[in-house]
Every structure is written in C-alpha cells, then in structure tokens.
Protein backbone atom coordinates (compact mmCIF):
# COMPACT_ATOMS: atom_id res chain seq x y z
CA MET A 1 0.00 0.00 0.00
CA GLU A 2 1.17 3.52 -0.79
CA LEU A 3 1.86 5.93 2.05
CA SER A 4 1.13 9.64 2.47
CA VAL A 5 2.33 11.62 5.48
CA LEU A 6 0.47 14.84 6.28
CA LEU A 7 2.42 17.34 8.36
CA THR A 8 0.45 20.43 9.37
CA ALA A 9 2.25 23.57 10.53
CA PHE A 10 1.48 27.22 11.15
CA ARG A 11 4.15 29.83 11.85
CA GLU A 12 6.65 27.14 12.81
CA PRO A 13 9.74 27.83 10.66
CA GLN A 14 12.08 26.87 13.51
CA THR A 15 10.53 23.47 14.23
CA VAL A 16 9.16 22.28 10.87
CA GLY A 17 12.64 21.55 9.48
CA PRO A 18 13.60 19.15 12.31
CA ALA A 19 10.11 17.58 12.05
CA ILE A 20 10.67 16.88 8.34
CA GLU A 21 14.21 15.65 8.96
CA ALA A 22 12.91 13.12 11.49
CA LEU A 23 10.45 11.67 8.95
CA LEU A 24 12.45 11.54 5.71
CA PRO A 25 14.82 8.66 6.63
CA GLN A 26 11.79 6.53 7.53
CA LEU A 27 9.83 7.12 4.31
CA PRO A 28 9.79 4.46 1.58
CA THR A 29 10.93 5.60 -1.85
CA ALA A 30 7.39 5.70 -3.22
CA ALA A 31 5.91 7.52 -0.22
CA GLU A 32 5.08 11.21 -0.07
CA LEU A 33 5.36 13.85 2.64
CA LEU A 34 2.84 16.69 2.31
CA VAL A 35 3.72 19.80 4.32
CA ILE A 36 0.52 21.80 4.78
CA CYS A 37 1.13 25.36 5.90
CA PRO A 38 -0.09 28.89 5.05
CA ASP A 39 2.54 31.36 6.24
CA PRO A 40 5.51 32.47 4.09
CA GLU A 41 8.19 31.66 6.67
CA THR A 42 7.15 28.03 7.19
CA THR A 43 6.41 27.64 3.47
CA ALA A 44 9.95 28.77 2.62
CA VAL A 45 11.39 25.98 4.77
CA ALA A 46 9.02 23.44 3.20
CA GLN A 47 9.91 24.59 -0.32
CA ALA A 48 13.61 24.08 0.44
CA TYR A 49 12.87 20.41 1.13
CA VAL A 50 10.66 20.18 -1.96
CA ALA A 51 13.68 21.23 -4.03
CA ARG A 52 15.89 18.61 -2.37
CA ASP A 53 13.62 15.57 -2.13
CA ALA A 54 11.01 14.46 -4.69
CA ARG A 55 8.93 12.85 -1.94
CA VAL A 56 8.16 16.22 -0.33
CA ARG A 57 5.30 18.40 -1.54
CA HIS A 58 3.96 21.68 -0.21
CA VAL A 59 0.18 22.07 0.04
CA ALA A 60 -1.26 25.55 0.56
CA ASP A 61 -3.29 25.81 3.77
CA PRO A 62 -6.49 27.90 3.46
CA GLN A 63 -5.83 29.15 7.02
CA ARG A 64 -9.24 28.28 8.41
CA GLY A 65 -7.90 26.05 11.20
CA LYS A 66 -6.37 22.61 11.46
CA PRO A 67 -9.47 20.63 10.34
CA ALA A 68 -9.58 22.62 7.09
CA ALA A 69 -5.84 22.13 6.59
CA LEU A 70 -6.22 18.37 7.03
CA ASN A 71 -9.14 18.26 4.60
CA VAL A 72 -6.99 19.96 1.97
CA GLY A 73 -4.16 17.54 2.69
CA LEU A 74 -6.43 14.51 2.48
CA ALA A 75 -7.78 15.71 -0.86
CA ALA A 76 -4.22 15.95 -2.19
CA ALA A 77 -2.95 12.68 -0.68
CA ARG A 78 -2.31 9.75 -3.02
CA GLY A 79 -1.64 7.02 -0.47
CA ASP A 80 -3.91 4.23 0.75
CA LEU A 81 -2.50 4.80 4.24
CA VAL A 82 -2.24 8.30 5.70
CA VAL A 83 -0.06 9.34 8.63
CA MET A 84 -0.89 12.60 10.39
CA THR A 85 1.50 14.60 12.54
CA ASP A 86 2.48 18.18 13.39
CA GLY A 87 5.27 20.59 12.55
CA ASP A 88 6.32 21.20 16.15
CA VAL A 89 6.94 17.61 17.28
CA ALA A 90 9.77 15.11 16.78
CA VAL A 91 8.87 11.63 15.55
CA ALA A 92 11.20 8.94 16.89
CA PRO A 93 13.61 7.37 14.33
CA ASP A 94 11.82 4.00 14.24
CA ALA A 95 8.26 5.25 14.73
CA LEU A 96 6.71 4.82 11.27
CA ALA A 97 7.53 1.11 10.93
CA SER A 98 5.89 0.41 14.30
CA LEU A 99 2.93 2.64 13.47
CA LEU A 100 2.21 0.90 10.15
CA ALA A 101 2.78 -2.74 11.18
CA PRO A 102 -0.73 -3.30 12.67
CA PHE A 103 -2.34 -2.62 9.27
CA ALA A 104 -1.45 -6.19 8.33
CA ASP A 105 -4.76 -6.93 10.07
CA PRO A 106 -7.56 -5.85 7.66
CA GLN A 107 -9.83 -5.02 10.60
CA VAL A 108 -7.47 -2.32 11.84
CA GLY A 109 -8.69 1.02 10.56
CA ALA A 110 -6.27 3.28 12.43
CA VAL A 111 -3.21 3.10 14.64
CA THR A 112 -2.20 5.65 17.24
CA GLY A 113 1.34 6.43 18.31
CA ARG A 114 2.58 7.32 21.79
CA PRO A 115 3.19 10.97 22.72
CA VAL A 116 6.14 11.38 25.11
CA SER A 117 6.87 14.63 26.90
CA SER A 118 10.17 16.34 26.11
CA SER A 119 9.51 18.93 28.83
CA PRO A 120 11.56 18.78 32.06
CA ARG A 121 9.93 16.90 34.91
CA THR A 122 11.58 19.34 37.35
CA THR A 123 8.94 22.06 36.87
CA CYS A 124 5.27 21.94 37.81
CA LEU A 125 3.90 22.15 34.27
CA GLY A 126 6.63 19.84 32.98
CA TYR A 127 5.67 17.32 35.65
CA TRP A 128 2.02 17.62 34.63
CA SER A 129 2.96 16.82 31.03
CA HIS A 130 4.81 13.66 32.09
CA LEU A 131 1.97 12.55 34.37
CA LEU A 132 -0.68 13.08 31.70
CA THR A 133 1.23 11.47 28.82
CA ASP A 134 2.36 8.49 30.89
CA SER A 135 -1.16 8.02 32.28
CA ALA A 136 -2.59 8.18 28.74
CA HIS A 137 -0.07 5.52 27.72
CA ALA A 138 -1.17 3.26 30.58
CA VAL A 139 -4.85 3.72 29.70
CA ARG A 140 -4.28 3.07 26.00
CA LEU A 141 -2.19 -0.01 26.72
CA ALA A 142 -4.86 -1.49 29.00
CA ARG A 143 -7.69 -0.71 26.58
CA ALA A 144 -5.73 -2.10 23.63
CA GLN A 145 -5.12 -5.34 25.47
CA ALA A 146 -8.83 -5.54 26.31
CA GLY A 147 -9.86 -4.82 22.71
CA ALA A 148 -11.66 -1.62 23.76
CA PHE A 149 -12.15 1.56 21.75
CA LEU A 150 -9.08 3.79 21.51
CA LEU A 151 -8.65 7.45 20.68
CA CYS A 152 -5.90 8.41 18.26
CA SER A 153 -3.44 11.09 19.28
CA GLY A 154 -3.27 13.97 16.82
CA TYR A 155 0.48 14.22 17.42
CA LEU A 156 1.00 10.96 15.50
CA PHE A 157 -1.47 8.47 14.06
CA ALA A 158 -2.18 6.60 10.84
CA ALA A 159 -5.43 5.54 9.15
CA ARG A 160 -6.78 3.92 6.01
CA ARG A 161 -7.55 6.75 3.61
CA ALA A 162 -10.83 5.19 2.51
CA LEU A 163 -12.21 5.42 6.06
CA LEU A 164 -11.43 9.09 6.65
CA PRO A 165 -14.43 11.40 6.33
CA HIS A 166 -14.52 15.11 5.67
CA ILE A 167 -13.64 16.76 9.00
CA PRO A 168 -16.08 19.43 10.22
CA GLU A 169 -14.16 22.70 10.10
CA ASP A 170 -15.38 23.74 13.55
CA ALA A 171 -14.20 20.50 15.21
CA LEU A 172 -12.05 21.33 18.23
CA ALA A 173 -10.48 17.85 18.40
CA GLU A 174 -10.15 16.53 14.87
CA ASP A 175 -8.31 13.42 16.09
CA ALA A 176 -11.29 12.53 18.29
CA VAL A 177 -13.76 13.03 15.43
CA LEU A 178 -11.73 10.78 13.11
CA SER A 179 -11.28 8.12 15.80
CA HIS A 180 -15.01 7.90 16.43
CA ARG A 181 -15.93 7.86 12.75
CA ILE A 182 -13.50 5.02 12.03
CA ALA A 183 -14.84 2.97 14.97
CA GLU A 184 -18.42 3.64 13.87
CA GLN A 185 -17.58 1.98 10.53
CA GLY A 186 -16.74 -1.24 12.40
CA TYR A 187 -12.96 -0.97 12.34
CA ARG A 188 -10.56 -1.36 15.24
CA ILE A 189 -8.05 1.25 16.39
CA ALA A 190 -4.72 -0.25 17.43
CA TYR A 191 -1.99 1.13 19.68
CA ALA A 192 1.69 1.18 18.72
CA PRO A 193 3.52 2.21 21.92
CA GLU A 194 6.89 1.91 20.16
CA ALA A 195 5.79 4.64 17.73
CA ARG A 196 6.91 7.49 19.96
CA VAL A 197 6.59 11.17 19.21
CA TRP A 198 8.35 13.74 21.38
CA VAL A 199 6.19 16.71 22.32
CA LYS A 200 7.07 19.98 24.04
CA TYR A 201 4.20 21.03 26.30
CA PRO A 202 3.20 24.52 27.53
CA THR A 203 5.35 26.24 30.14
CA THR A 204 2.75 28.75 31.40
CA TYR A 205 -0.66 28.11 32.93
CA ARG A 206 -2.32 30.47 30.44
CA ASP A 207 -0.88 28.49 27.51
CA TRP A 208 -1.78 25.21 29.24
CA LEU A 209 -5.43 26.30 29.51
CA ARG A 210 -5.50 27.56 25.93
CA GLN A 211 -4.26 24.22 24.63
CA LYS A 212 -6.36 22.02 26.89
CA VAL A 213 -9.66 23.89 26.58
CA ARG A 214 -9.46 23.47 22.81
CA SER A 215 -8.50 19.77 22.87
CA ALA A 216 -10.75 18.71 25.77
CA GLY A 217 -13.54 20.87 24.40
CA GLY A 218 -13.74 18.62 21.37
CA TYR A 219 -15.18 15.89 23.58
CA ALA A 220 -18.06 18.17 24.60
CA GLN A 221 -19.06 18.82 20.98
CA ASP A 222 -21.91 16.80 19.52
CA TYR A 223 -19.56 15.20 16.95
CA VAL A 224 -18.01 13.16 19.76
CA ARG A 225 -20.46 13.44 22.65
CA ARG A 226 -23.26 11.67 20.76
CA SER A 227 -21.11 8.78 19.57
CA PRO A 228 -21.76 5.37 21.15
CA TYR A 229 -18.01 5.03 21.77
CA ARG A 230 -16.47 6.38 24.95
CA MET A 231 -12.94 6.81 26.27
CA ARG A 232 -12.59 10.35 27.56
CA SER A 233 -14.79 12.71 29.60
CA ALA A 234 -14.60 14.71 32.83
CA TRP A 235 -16.36 11.94 34.74
CA ARG A 236 -14.12 9.18 33.36
CA GLU A 237 -11.11 11.27 34.26
CA VAL A 238 -12.25 11.46 37.87
CA VAL A 239 -13.14 7.77 38.13
CA GLU A 240 -10.23 6.27 36.18
CA GLY A 241 -7.56 8.95 36.28
CA THR A 242 -7.36 9.79 39.97
CA ARG A 243 -5.83 6.46 40.96
CA LEU A 244 -3.24 6.62 38.16
CA ALA A 245 -2.34 10.21 38.99
CA TRP A 246 -1.94 9.61 42.73
CA ARG A 247 0.43 6.69 42.14
CA TYR A 248 2.66 8.71 39.85
CA PRO A 249 4.60 11.13 42.16
CA ARG A 250 8.15 10.27 43.27
CA SER A 251 8.48 12.97 45.94
CA TRP A 252 6.44 15.19 48.24
CA ARG A 253 6.96 18.08 45.85
CA GLU A 254 5.42 16.04 43.03
CA ARG A 255 2.52 15.13 45.32
CA TRP A 256 1.81 18.85 45.78
CA TRP A 257 1.99 19.34 42.02
CA THR A 258 -0.46 16.46 41.58
CA LEU A 259 -2.93 18.15 43.91
CA TRP A 260 -2.56 21.36 41.90
CA LEU A 261 -3.21 19.37 38.73
CA PHE A 262 -6.51 18.10 40.18
CA ALA A 263 -7.55 21.73 40.73
CA ALA A 264 -6.34 22.73 37.25
CA ARG A 265 -8.31 19.93 35.61
CA ALA A 266 -11.45 21.00 37.49
CA HIS A 267 -10.86 24.53 36.20
CA LEU A 268 -10.33 23.17 32.69
CA TRP A 269 -13.53 21.12 32.57
CA ALA A 270 -15.53 24.03 34.00
CA LEU A 271 -14.23 26.25 31.18
CA VAL A 272 -15.09 23.53 28.65
CA PHE A 273 -18.64 23.29 29.98
CA VAL A 274 -19.15 27.07 29.82
CA ASN A 275 -17.41 27.75 26.50
CA VAL A 276 -18.44 24.66 24.52
CA ARG A 277 -21.68 23.37 26.01
CA LEU A 278 -23.31 26.63 27.15
CA LEU A 279 -21.89 29.40 24.95
CA ARG A 280 -21.05 27.09 22.00
CA ARG A 281 -18.06 29.23 21.09
CA PRO A 282 -16.57 28.26 17.70
CA LEU A 283 -13.08 27.09 16.80
CA THR A 284 -12.13 30.59 15.68
CA ALA A 285 -12.89 31.93 19.17
CA LEU A 286 -11.27 29.10 21.14
CA TRP A 287 -8.13 28.56 19.04
CA ARG A 288 -5.26 30.64 20.37
CA ARG A 289 -1.64 30.11 19.38
CA VAL A 290 0.44 28.56 22.17
CA GLU A 291 3.90 30.10 21.84
CA SER A 292 5.59 28.25 24.71
CA THR A 293 5.35 24.89 22.89
CA LYS A 294 7.45 26.08 19.95
C-alpha cells in the first residue's frame, strides 16, 4: 500500500525543518510527505525540502484552522494509508515502521502512536505533562489489550484513507472526530507504543489552559459526545484517572503538584462546559496560538 504523510504547521519555521528531517529517513521511496502550511516563513522551509527531495510536496493551507488544513491535505494525498502529525513535534527514528505494522490486520482502521513529553519533569507544568502522557499511555495499553475503543493522538497516528471522512471545520479535536468515525464503521483502532513522538508542552498556565480547553472541548461537541463510543470525559477522568495520577509522584513536591493538577483539571472542565456546552463558542474563538510549545 502507498503511504502519504500529512504534516500540518502554522508559523513554525524553527521546528518544521527538524520535524521533516525526522520523517524523511523513515519514508519508503514511493511515499510522499505533504507539508501543509499557510505562512511564508514556514512555506519557505518546506519549499527548500521540496527542491531537495522528490517525496516532499507543499500544500497551501487555506488558514481556516487545522481541520480545514487536514481536509486539503487529504484531498491531495495519493496514499492508501495516511499518517498525520504536526510541525512542532519530533517523531522517533523508528516510529513509522511500528505505526504501520498493525495494518497487516484488515480489521485495523487506524493506529495511534505514543506521545512522550520532552519537557523537564523538574517544573510543575513539565511534571504535569509527564503525568498526563504516561497516564494516557497506561490507559491506551490497558484498553488495547482488552480490545476496547481507543482514541488516536493527533500528534501521530495513521489511518486507512478510505475510512477518513470530511472533518467538520469547527471540530475542536479533529483526532477525536476521526477516531469515532472510524470505529463507527466497524474498524478497530490499534496502539503502537513503540511509535513514539516527542512533544514539548506549555510552560505557562495560560498556555496550558488555551491548549487544553481546545482539545478537551472537542469531547463536549456533539460530533463526539453523541457517539456510542467512549474513552474520555470529565467523569471518566475522575473515576479512572485519579488512581493513576496519585500513584505517579516520586516525591512530596510532586505530590503537591499532583494536587494542583486536580484543581487545574477541574478549572479546565468548568471552562469547557461554559465555553463549549453553554456558549457554544466556535473554533475561531477558542483557538489561540500557544507560543511556549514552539
């Protein structure tokens, strides 16, 4: 099967080059890497790779948000399998082979990789990023072993092109929408924990809230909330996540940070309820650039 990799980026000229460099050695000769970006600075970096490697193509982003950018990329993609990732992350050197291996099973419709925090654990927000990514790994691993529904991570996942629908342009969590639509077609989502992707997480509370309200808010939208499949919600986080979180700290300082995280998550879900469920604010109002992750 032919492979297309979609890499979305916006105003990320410093990080998109390393992101492309991490992917190119892993791409088969016949594969393609589509860099989808709108701004001149990031486009200039992408075009430099287009000139050097025939597998790289630039796709103009209409600049209406990430769902619209992915729709444009999917329309341009030639591959039967599509990998989606971002321009501000670093895919591990052996990630793609692990990510694509489960497609040998025809019932697998998508495969999610494993986000790993590259932030220092020695700060409060860095510690939160490690706790949340490691807890998500533990949950995915347990659900995969039980054959339960899995959510793909937008930082790195792959899917059969034929199963991918048009993404609503106001979707706050496009990875959640795609995961649910694939499962609703009767296909399984697999987990490839060896397919690691290194992610830098926010370093300020304001940026943390901006990022999390948008991503968690996607689960309060009707696209996901009305699906028969469930993995993530505020209630599930309380019931299933508290035990995992409280076992995670290695010191008393980390225990304090864990308590602060409980308060921060309560704040987050309250903002999601107000902004998404009550006010129904659109993607254009809730999407704010998070500079501290670049």
